[in-house]
PDB file of N, CA and C in Angstrom:
ATOM      1  N   UNK A   1     -31.168  24.455 -22.537  1.00  0.00           N
ATOM      2  CA  UNK A   1     -31.257  25.564 -23.454  1.00  0.00           C
ATOM      3  C   UNK A   1     -30.616  25.191 -24.792  1.00  0.00           C
ATOM      4  N   UNK A   2     -29.434  24.585 -24.732  1.00  0.00           N
ATOM      5  CA  UNK A   2     -28.761  24.192 -25.976  1.00  0.00           C
ATOM      6  C   UNK A   2     -29.578  23.173 -26.755  1.00  0.00           C
ATOM      7  N   UNK A   3     -30.164  22.220 -26.064  1.00  0.00           N
ATOM      8  CA  UNK A   3     -30.964  21.197 -26.743  1.00  0.00           C
ATOM      9  C   UNK A   3     -32.166  21.828 -27.432  1.00  0.00           C
ATOM     10  N   UNK A   4     -32.832  22.750 -26.748  1.00  0.00           N
ATOM     11  CA  UNK A   4     -33.998  23.406 -27.337  1.00  0.00           C
ATOM     12  C   UNK A   4     -33.617  24.217 -28.570  1.00  0.00           C
ATOM     13  N   UNK A   5     -32.452  24.844 -28.551  1.00  0.00           N
ATOM     14  CA  UNK A   5     -31.999  25.643 -29.686  1.00  0.00           C
ATOM     15  C   UNK A   5     -31.345  24.796 -30.776  1.00  0.00           C
ATOM     16  N   UNK A   6     -31.042  23.526 -30.466  1.00  0.00           N
ATOM     17  CA  UNK A   6     -30.408  22.655 -31.442  1.00  0.00           C
ATOM     18  C   UNK A   6     -28.918  22.882 -31.572  1.00  0.00           C
ATOM     19  N   UNK A   7     -28.318  23.494 -30.558  1.00  0.00           N
ATOM     20  CA  UNK A   7     -26.887  23.793 -30.599  1.00  0.00           C
ATOM     21  C   UNK A   7     -26.078  22.647 -30.000  1.00  0.00           C
ATOM     22  N   UNK A   8     -24.934  22.395 -30.591  1.00  0.00           N
ATOM     23  CA  UNK A   8     -23.990  21.451 -30.017  1.00  0.00           C
ATOM     24  C   UNK A   8     -23.013  22.172 -29.097  1.00  0.00           C
ATOM     25  N   UNK A   9     -22.819  23.457 -29.353  1.00  0.00           N
ATOM     26  CA  UNK A   9     -21.794  24.240 -28.664  1.00  0.00           C
ATOM     27  C   UNK A   9     -22.360  25.638 -28.485  1.00  0.00           C
ATOM     28  N   UNK A  10     -22.227  26.219 -27.315  1.00  0.00           N
ATOM     29  CA  UNK A  10     -22.847  27.506 -27.050  1.00  0.00           C
ATOM     30  C   UNK A  10     -22.185  28.150 -25.838  1.00  0.00           C
ATOM     31  N   UNK A  11     -22.365  29.436 -25.701  1.00  0.00           N
ATOM     32  CA  UNK A  11     -22.039  30.125 -24.454  1.00  0.00           C
ATOM     33  C   UNK A  11     -23.296  30.844 -23.999  1.00  0.00           C
ATOM     34  N   UNK A  12     -23.401  31.028 -22.698  1.00  0.00           N
ATOM     35  CA  UNK A  12     -24.550  31.721 -22.124  1.00  0.00           C
ATOM     36  C   UNK A  12     -24.036  32.749 -21.134  1.00  0.00           C
ATOM     37  N   UNK A  13     -24.532  33.969 -21.258  1.00  0.00           N
ATOM     38  CA  UNK A  13     -24.211  35.010 -20.286  1.00  0.00           C
ATOM     39  C   UNK A  13     -25.464  35.313 -19.490  1.00  0.00           C
ATOM     40  N   UNK A  14     -25.276  35.533 -18.186  1.00  0.00           N
ATOM     41  CA  UNK A  14     -26.387  35.839 -17.302  1.00  0.00           C
ATOM     42  C   UNK A  14     -26.192  37.196 -16.658  1.00  0.00           C
ATOM     43  N   UNK A  15     -27.294  37.847 -16.385  1.00  0.00           N
ATOM     44  CA  UNK A  15     -27.315  39.042 -15.550  1.00  0.00           C
ATOM     45  C   UNK A  15     -28.209  38.700 -14.361  1.00  0.00           C
ATOM     46  N   UNK A  16     -27.883  39.252 -13.209  1.00  0.00           N
ATOM     47  CA  UNK A  16     -28.685  38.999 -12.018  1.00  0.00           C
ATOM     48  C   UNK A  16     -29.243  40.327 -11.532  1.00  0.00           C
ATOM     49  N   UNK A  17     -30.553  40.346 -11.361  1.00  0.00           N
ATOM     50  CA  UNK A  17     -31.214  41.546 -10.847  1.00  0.00           C
ATOM     51  C   UNK A  17     -32.160  41.120  -9.736  1.00  0.00           C
ATOM     52  N   UNK A  18     -32.003  41.725  -8.590  1.00  0.00           N
ATOM     53  CA  UNK A  18     -32.820  41.386  -7.420  1.00  0.00           C
ATOM     54  C   UNK A  18     -32.769  39.891  -7.127  1.00  0.00           C
ATOM     55  N   UNK A  19     -31.602  39.293  -7.314  1.00  0.00           N
ATOM     56  CA  UNK A  19     -31.413  37.882  -7.027  1.00  0.00           C
ATOM     57  C   UNK A  19     -31.966  36.933  -8.072  1.00  0.00           C
ATOM     58  N   UNK A  20     -32.502  37.453  -9.158  1.00  0.00           N
ATOM     59  CA  UNK A  20     -33.079  36.611 -10.210  1.00  0.00           C
ATOM     60  C   UNK A  20     -32.139  36.598 -11.411  1.00  0.00           C
ATOM     61  N   UNK A  21     -31.658  35.397 -11.816  1.00  0.00           N
ATOM     62  CA  UNK A  21     -30.783  35.328 -12.993  1.00  0.00           C
ATOM     63  C   UNK A  21     -31.597  35.393 -14.288  1.00  0.00           C
ATOM     64  N   UNK A  22     -31.087  36.151 -15.234  1.00  0.00           N
ATOM     65  CA  UNK A  22     -31.692  36.272 -16.561  1.00  0.00           C
ATOM     66  C   UNK A  22     -30.644  35.918 -17.604  1.00  0.00           C
ATOM     67  N   UNK A  23     -30.994  35.011 -18.515  1.00  0.00           N
ATOM     68  CA  UNK A  23     -30.104  34.717 -19.638  1.00  0.00           C
ATOM     69  C   UNK A  23     -30.204  35.900 -20.592  1.00  0.00           C
ATOM     70  N   UNK A  24     -29.081  36.565 -20.850  1.00  0.00           N
ATOM     71  CA  UNK A  24     -29.122  37.766 -21.685  1.00  0.00           C
ATOM     72  C   UNK A  24     -28.444  37.569 -23.035  1.00  0.00           C
ATOM     73  N   UNK A  25     -27.627  36.567 -23.139  1.00  0.00           N
ATOM     74  CA  UNK A  25     -26.925  36.315 -24.398  1.00  0.00           C
ATOM     75  C   UNK A  25     -26.729  34.812 -24.494  1.00  0.00           C
ATOM     76  N   UNK A  26     -27.616  34.155 -25.238  1.00  0.00           N
ATOM     77  CA  UNK A  26     -27.581  32.695 -25.241  1.00  0.00           C
ATOM     78  C   UNK A  26     -27.697  32.083 -26.623  1.00  0.00           C
ATOM     79  N   UNK A  27     -27.582  32.860 -27.649  1.00  0.00           N
ATOM     80  CA  UNK A  27     -27.668  32.340 -29.023  1.00  0.00           C
ATOM     81  C   UNK A  27     -26.306  32.457 -29.696  1.00  0.00           C
ATOM     82  N   UNK A  28     -25.361  31.677 -29.213  1.00  0.00           N
ATOM     83  CA  UNK A  28     -23.987  31.751 -29.697  1.00  0.00           C
ATOM     84  C   UNK A  28     -23.512  30.403 -30.228  1.00  0.00           C
ATOM     85  N   UNK A  29     -24.028  29.947 -31.375  1.00  0.00           N
ATOM     86  CA  UNK A  29     -23.590  28.657 -31.890  1.00  0.00           C
ATOM     87  C   UNK A  29     -22.119  28.648 -32.299  1.00  0.00           C
ATOM     88  N   UNK A  30     -21.525  29.814 -32.438  1.00  0.00           N
ATOM     89  CA  UNK A  30     -20.085  29.942 -32.690  1.00  0.00           C
ATOM     90  C   UNK A  30     -19.547  30.984 -31.703  1.00  0.00           C
ATOM     91  N   UNK A  31     -19.470  30.600 -30.419  1.00  0.00           N
ATOM     92  CA  UNK A  31     -19.126  31.571 -29.386  1.00  0.00           C
ATOM     93  C   UNK A  31     -17.675  32.032 -29.442  1.00  0.00           C
ATOM     94  N   UNK A  32     -17.432  33.172 -28.820  1.00  0.00           N
ATOM     95  CA  UNK A  32     -16.077  33.712 -28.685  1.00  0.00           C
ATOM     96  C   UNK A  32     -15.248  32.733 -27.867  1.00  0.00           C
ATOM     97  N   UNK A  33     -14.201  32.224 -28.442  1.00  0.00           N
ATOM     98  CA  UNK A  33     -13.338  31.281 -27.743  1.00  0.00           C
ATOM     99  C   UNK A  33     -11.885  31.729 -27.797  1.00  0.00           C
ATOM    100  N   UNK A  34     -11.676  33.011 -28.009  1.00  0.00           N
ATOM    101  CA  UNK A  34     -10.319  33.544 -28.045  1.00  0.00           C
ATOM    102  C   UNK A  34      -9.667  33.404 -26.670  1.00  0.00           C
ATOM    103  N   UNK A  35      -8.444  32.945 -26.656  1.00  0.00           N
ATOM    104  CA  UNK A  35      -7.721  32.736 -25.403  1.00  0.00           C
ATOM    105  C   UNK A  35      -7.692  34.001 -24.549  1.00  0.00           C
ATOM    106  N   UNK A  36      -7.586  35.155 -25.191  1.00  0.00           N
ATOM    107  CA  UNK A  36      -7.551  36.415 -24.449  1.00  0.00           C
ATOM    108  C   UNK A  36      -8.907  36.762 -23.842  1.00  0.00           C
ATOM    109  N   UNK A  37      -9.977  36.241 -24.401  1.00  0.00           N
ATOM    110  CA  UNK A  37     -11.321  36.501 -23.873  1.00  0.00           C
ATOM    111  C   UNK A  37     -11.707  35.532 -22.764  1.00  0.00           C
ATOM    112  N   UNK A  38     -11.356  34.266 -22.936  1.00  0.00           N
ATOM    113  CA  UNK A  38     -11.848  33.236 -22.012  1.00  0.00           C
ATOM    114  C   UNK A  38     -10.806  32.741 -21.015  1.00  0.00           C
ATOM    115  N   UNK A  39      -9.556  33.104 -21.214  1.00  0.00           N
ATOM    116  CA  UNK A  39      -8.499  32.654 -20.308  1.00  0.00           C
ATOM    117  C   UNK A  39      -7.925  31.313 -20.724  1.00  0.00           C
ATOM    118  N   UNK A  40      -6.746  31.039 -20.226  1.00  0.00           N
ATOM    119  CA  UNK A  40      -5.991  29.840 -20.616  1.00  0.00           C
ATOM    120  C   UNK A  40      -6.727  28.540 -20.285  1.00  0.00           C
ATOM    121  N   UNK A  41      -7.234  28.419 -19.065  1.00  0.00           N
ATOM    122  CA  UNK A  41      -7.885  27.173 -18.645  1.00  0.00           C
ATOM    123  C   UNK A  41      -9.150  26.899 -19.463  1.00  0.00           C
ATOM    124  N   UNK A  42      -9.979  27.910 -19.644  1.00  0.00           N
ATOM    125  CA  UNK A  42     -11.198  27.729 -20.437  1.00  0.00           C
ATOM    126  C   UNK A  42     -10.873  27.476 -21.904  1.00  0.00           C
ATOM    127  N   UNK A  43      -9.835  28.130 -22.407  1.00  0.00           N
ATOM    128  CA  UNK A  43      -9.425  27.916 -23.794  1.00  0.00           C
ATOM    129  C   UNK A  43      -9.027  26.458 -24.017  1.00  0.00           C
ATOM    130  N   UNK A  44      -8.262  25.902 -23.087  1.00  0.00           N
ATOM    131  CA  UNK A  44      -7.848  24.498 -23.203  1.00  0.00           C
ATOM    132  C   UNK A  44      -9.068  23.576 -23.193  1.00  0.00           C
ATOM    133  N   UNK A  45     -10.041  23.872 -22.346  1.00  0.00           N
ATOM    134  CA  UNK A  45     -11.267  23.074 -22.287  1.00  0.00           C
ATOM    135  C   UNK A  45     -12.008  23.153 -23.615  1.00  0.00           C
ATOM    136  N   UNK A  46     -12.147  24.353 -24.155  1.00  0.00           N
ATOM    137  CA  UNK A  46     -12.863  24.544 -25.418  1.00  0.00           C
ATOM    138  C   UNK A  46     -12.190  23.771 -26.548  1.00  0.00           C
ATOM    139  N   UNK A  47     -10.878  23.865 -26.648  1.00  0.00           N
ATOM    140  CA  UNK A  47     -10.152  23.161 -27.710  1.00  0.00           C
ATOM    141  C   UNK A  47     -10.366  21.654 -27.589  1.00  0.00           C
ATOM    142  N   UNK A  48     -10.222  21.121 -26.373  1.00  0.00           N
ATOM    143  CA  UNK A  48     -10.388  19.679 -26.165  1.00  0.00           C
ATOM    144  C   UNK A  48     -11.798  19.218 -26.543  1.00  0.00           C
ATOM    145  N   UNK A  49     -12.798  19.918 -26.054  1.00  0.00           N
ATOM    146  CA  UNK A  49     -14.172  19.476 -26.278  1.00  0.00           C
ATOM    147  C   UNK A  49     -14.672  19.766 -27.693  1.00  0.00           C
ATOM    148  N   UNK A  50     -14.189  20.818 -28.305  1.00  0.00           N
ATOM    149  CA  UNK A  50     -14.544  21.073 -29.709  1.00  0.00           C
ATOM    150  C   UNK A  50     -13.963  19.979 -30.602  1.00  0.00           C
ATOM    151  N   UNK A  51     -12.742  19.543 -30.298  1.00  0.00           N
ATOM    152  CA  UNK A  51     -12.129  18.460 -31.070  1.00  0.00           C
ATOM    153  C   UNK A  51     -12.908  17.158 -30.887  1.00  0.00           C
ATOM    154  N   UNK A  52     -13.290  16.851 -29.649  1.00  0.00           N
ATOM    155  CA  UNK A  52     -14.080  15.641 -29.388  1.00  0.00           C
ATOM    156  C   UNK A  52     -15.418  15.694 -30.120  1.00  0.00           C
ATOM    157  N   UNK A  53     -16.068  16.858 -30.102  1.00  0.00           N
ATOM    158  CA  UNK A  53     -17.352  17.017 -30.783  1.00  0.00           C
ATOM    159  C   UNK A  53     -17.197  16.842 -32.290  1.00  0.00           C
ATOM    160  N   UNK A  54     -16.154  17.418 -32.861  1.00  0.00           N
ATOM    161  CA  UNK A  54     -15.923  17.297 -34.302  1.00  0.00           C
ATOM    162  C   UNK A  54     -15.715  15.833 -34.701  1.00  0.00           C
ATOM    163  N   UNK A  55     -14.960  15.101 -33.913  1.00  0.00           N
ATOM    164  CA  UNK A  55     -14.724  13.678 -34.190  1.00  0.00           C
ATOM    165  C   UNK A  55     -16.022  12.888 -34.052  1.00  0.00           C
ATOM    166  N   UNK A  56     -16.779  13.167 -33.003  1.00  0.00           N
ATOM    167  CA  UNK A  56     -18.061  12.487 -32.787  1.00  0.00           C
ATOM    168  C   UNK A  56     -19.013  12.726 -33.960  1.00  0.00           C
ATOM    169  N   UNK A  57     -19.129  13.966 -34.396  1.00  0.00           N
ATOM    170  CA  UNK A  57     -20.033  14.291 -35.503  1.00  0.00           C
ATOM    171  C   UNK A  57     -19.554  13.664 -36.811  1.00  0.00           C
ATOM    172  N   UNK A  58     -18.257  13.638 -37.029  1.00  0.00           N
ATOM    173  CA  UNK A  58     -17.716  13.009 -38.240  1.00  0.00           C
ATOM    174  C   UNK A  58     -18.023  11.514 -38.250  1.00  0.00           C
ATOM    175  N   UNK A  59     -17.924  10.871 -37.092  1.00  0.00           N
ATOM    176  CA  UNK A  59     -18.216   9.440 -36.999  1.00  0.00           C
ATOM    177  C   UNK A  59     -19.702   9.135 -37.156  1.00  0.00           C
ATOM    178  N   UNK A  60     -20.569  10.086 -36.811  1.00  0.00           N
ATOM    179  CA  UNK A  60     -22.015   9.889 -36.916  1.00  0.00           C
ATOM    180  C   UNK A  60     -22.565  10.240 -38.295  1.00  0.00           C
ATOM    181  N   UNK A  61     -21.760  10.850 -39.131  1.00  0.00           N
ATOM    182  CA  UNK A  61     -22.225  11.332 -40.435  1.00  0.00           C
ATOM    183  C   UNK A  61     -22.793  10.194 -41.274  1.00  0.00           C
ATOM    184  N   UNK A  62     -23.959  10.448 -41.859  1.00  0.00           N
ATOM    185  CA  UNK A  62     -24.601   9.490 -42.754  1.00  0.00           C
ATOM    186  C   UNK A  62     -24.853  10.204 -44.079  1.00  0.00           C
ATOM    187  N   UNK A  63     -24.182   9.775 -45.170  1.00  0.00           N
ATOM    188  CA  UNK A  63     -24.402  10.417 -46.473  1.00  0.00           C
ATOM    189  C   UNK A  63     -25.868  10.345 -46.895  1.00  0.00           C
ATOM    190  N   UNK A  64     -26.371  11.430 -47.467  1.00  0.00           N
ATOM    191  CA  UNK A  64     -27.733  11.471 -47.968  1.00  0.00           C
ATOM    192  C   UNK A  64     -28.802  11.702 -46.915  1.00  0.00           C
ATOM    193  N   UNK A  65     -28.410  11.838 -45.663  1.00  0.00           N
ATOM    194  CA  UNK A  65     -29.354  12.060 -44.573  1.00  0.00           C
ATOM    195  C   UNK A  65     -29.097  13.442 -43.982  1.00  0.00           C
ATOM    196  N   UNK A  66     -30.160  14.190 -43.636  1.00  0.00           N
ATOM    197  CA  UNK A  66     -29.919  15.469 -42.958  1.00  0.00           C
ATOM    198  C   UNK A  66     -29.154  15.213 -41.657  1.00  0.00           C
ATOM    199  N   UNK A  67     -28.049  15.882 -41.501  1.00  0.00           N
ATOM    200  CA  UNK A  67     -27.197  15.645 -40.343  1.00  0.00           C
ATOM    201  C   UNK A  67     -27.182  16.834 -39.390  1.00  0.00           C
ATOM    202  N   UNK A  68     -28.238  17.652 -39.456  1.00  0.00           N
ATOM    203  CA  UNK A  68     -28.349  18.776 -38.531  1.00  0.00           C
ATOM    204  C   UNK A  68     -29.711  18.729 -37.859  1.00  0.00           C
ATOM    205  N   UNK A  69     -29.838  19.429 -36.776  1.00  0.00           N
ATOM    206  CA  UNK A  69     -31.103  19.526 -36.055  1.00  0.00           C
ATOM    207  C   UNK A  69     -31.365  20.988 -35.748  1.00  0.00           C
ATOM    208  N   UNK A  70     -32.612  21.384 -35.876  1.00  0.00           N
ATOM    209  CA  UNK A  70     -32.969  22.762 -35.521  1.00  0.00           C
ATOM    210  C   UNK A  70     -33.403  22.859 -34.075  1.00  0.00           C
ATOM    211  N   UNK A  71     -33.361  21.776 -33.349  1.00  0.00           N
ATOM    212  CA  UNK A  71     -33.724  21.816 -31.938  1.00  0.00           C
ATOM    213  C   UNK A  71     -35.221  21.847 -31.721  1.00  0.00           C
ATOM    214  N   UNK A  72     -35.610  21.554 -30.504  1.00  0.00           N
ATOM    215  CA  UNK A  72     -37.029  21.482 -30.181  1.00  0.00           C
ATOM    216  C   UNK A  72     -37.700  22.850 -30.191  1.00  0.00           C
ATOM    217  N   UNK A  73     -36.979  23.904 -29.866  1.00  0.00           N
ATOM    218  CA  UNK A  73     -37.555  25.251 -29.829  1.00  0.00           C
ATOM    219  C   UNK A  73     -38.105  25.648 -31.192  1.00  0.00           C
ATOM    220  N   UNK A  74     -37.301  25.491 -32.227  1.00  0.00           N
ATOM    221  CA  UNK A  74     -37.741  25.857 -33.573  1.00  0.00           C
ATOM    222  C   UNK A  74     -38.805  24.879 -34.061  1.00  0.00           C
ATOM    223  N   UNK A  75     -38.588  23.585 -33.863  1.00  0.00           N
ATOM    224  CA  UNK A  75     -39.566  22.585 -34.310  1.00  0.00           C
ATOM    225  C   UNK A  75     -40.929  22.826 -33.675  1.00  0.00           C
ATOM    226  N   UNK A  76     -40.955  23.077 -32.376  1.00  0.00           N
ATOM    227  CA  UNK A  76     -42.220  23.301 -31.679  1.00  0.00           C
ATOM    228  C   UNK A  76     -42.873  24.615 -32.091  1.00  0.00           C
ATOM    229  N   UNK A  77     -42.098  25.570 -32.519  1.00  0.00           N
ATOM    230  CA  UNK A  77     -42.630  26.881 -32.905  1.00  0.00           C
ATOM    231  C   UNK A  77     -43.366  26.847 -34.234  1.00  0.00           C
ATOM    232  N   UNK A  78     -43.057  25.878 -35.086  1.00  0.00           N
ATOM    233  CA  UNK A  78     -43.670  25.838 -36.413  1.00  0.00           C
ATOM    234  C   UNK A  78     -44.821  24.840 -36.512  1.00  0.00           C
ATOM    235  N   UNK A  79     -45.157  24.199 -35.422  1.00  0.00           N
ATOM    236  CA  UNK A  79     -46.263  23.225 -35.438  1.00  0.00           C
ATOM    237  C   UNK A  79     -47.589  23.933 -35.455  1.00  0.00           C
TER     238      UNK A  79
END
């Protein structure tokens, strides 16, 4: 889902009805990561992985080149 949307970081919420899971909130490129919302353990994970992602993206940066992706979902929708 994240790859199709072109997101590097996301949260997904599901609802289950009659045993079938439905993604109900999945467009969160800047998701809620407040310690009070996600809990201590998840907050620590988010901080660690957000830092790793930021370093990775900084190292991959190429001046003069588009450094973002709109994902396959948007690209395929405009063909």
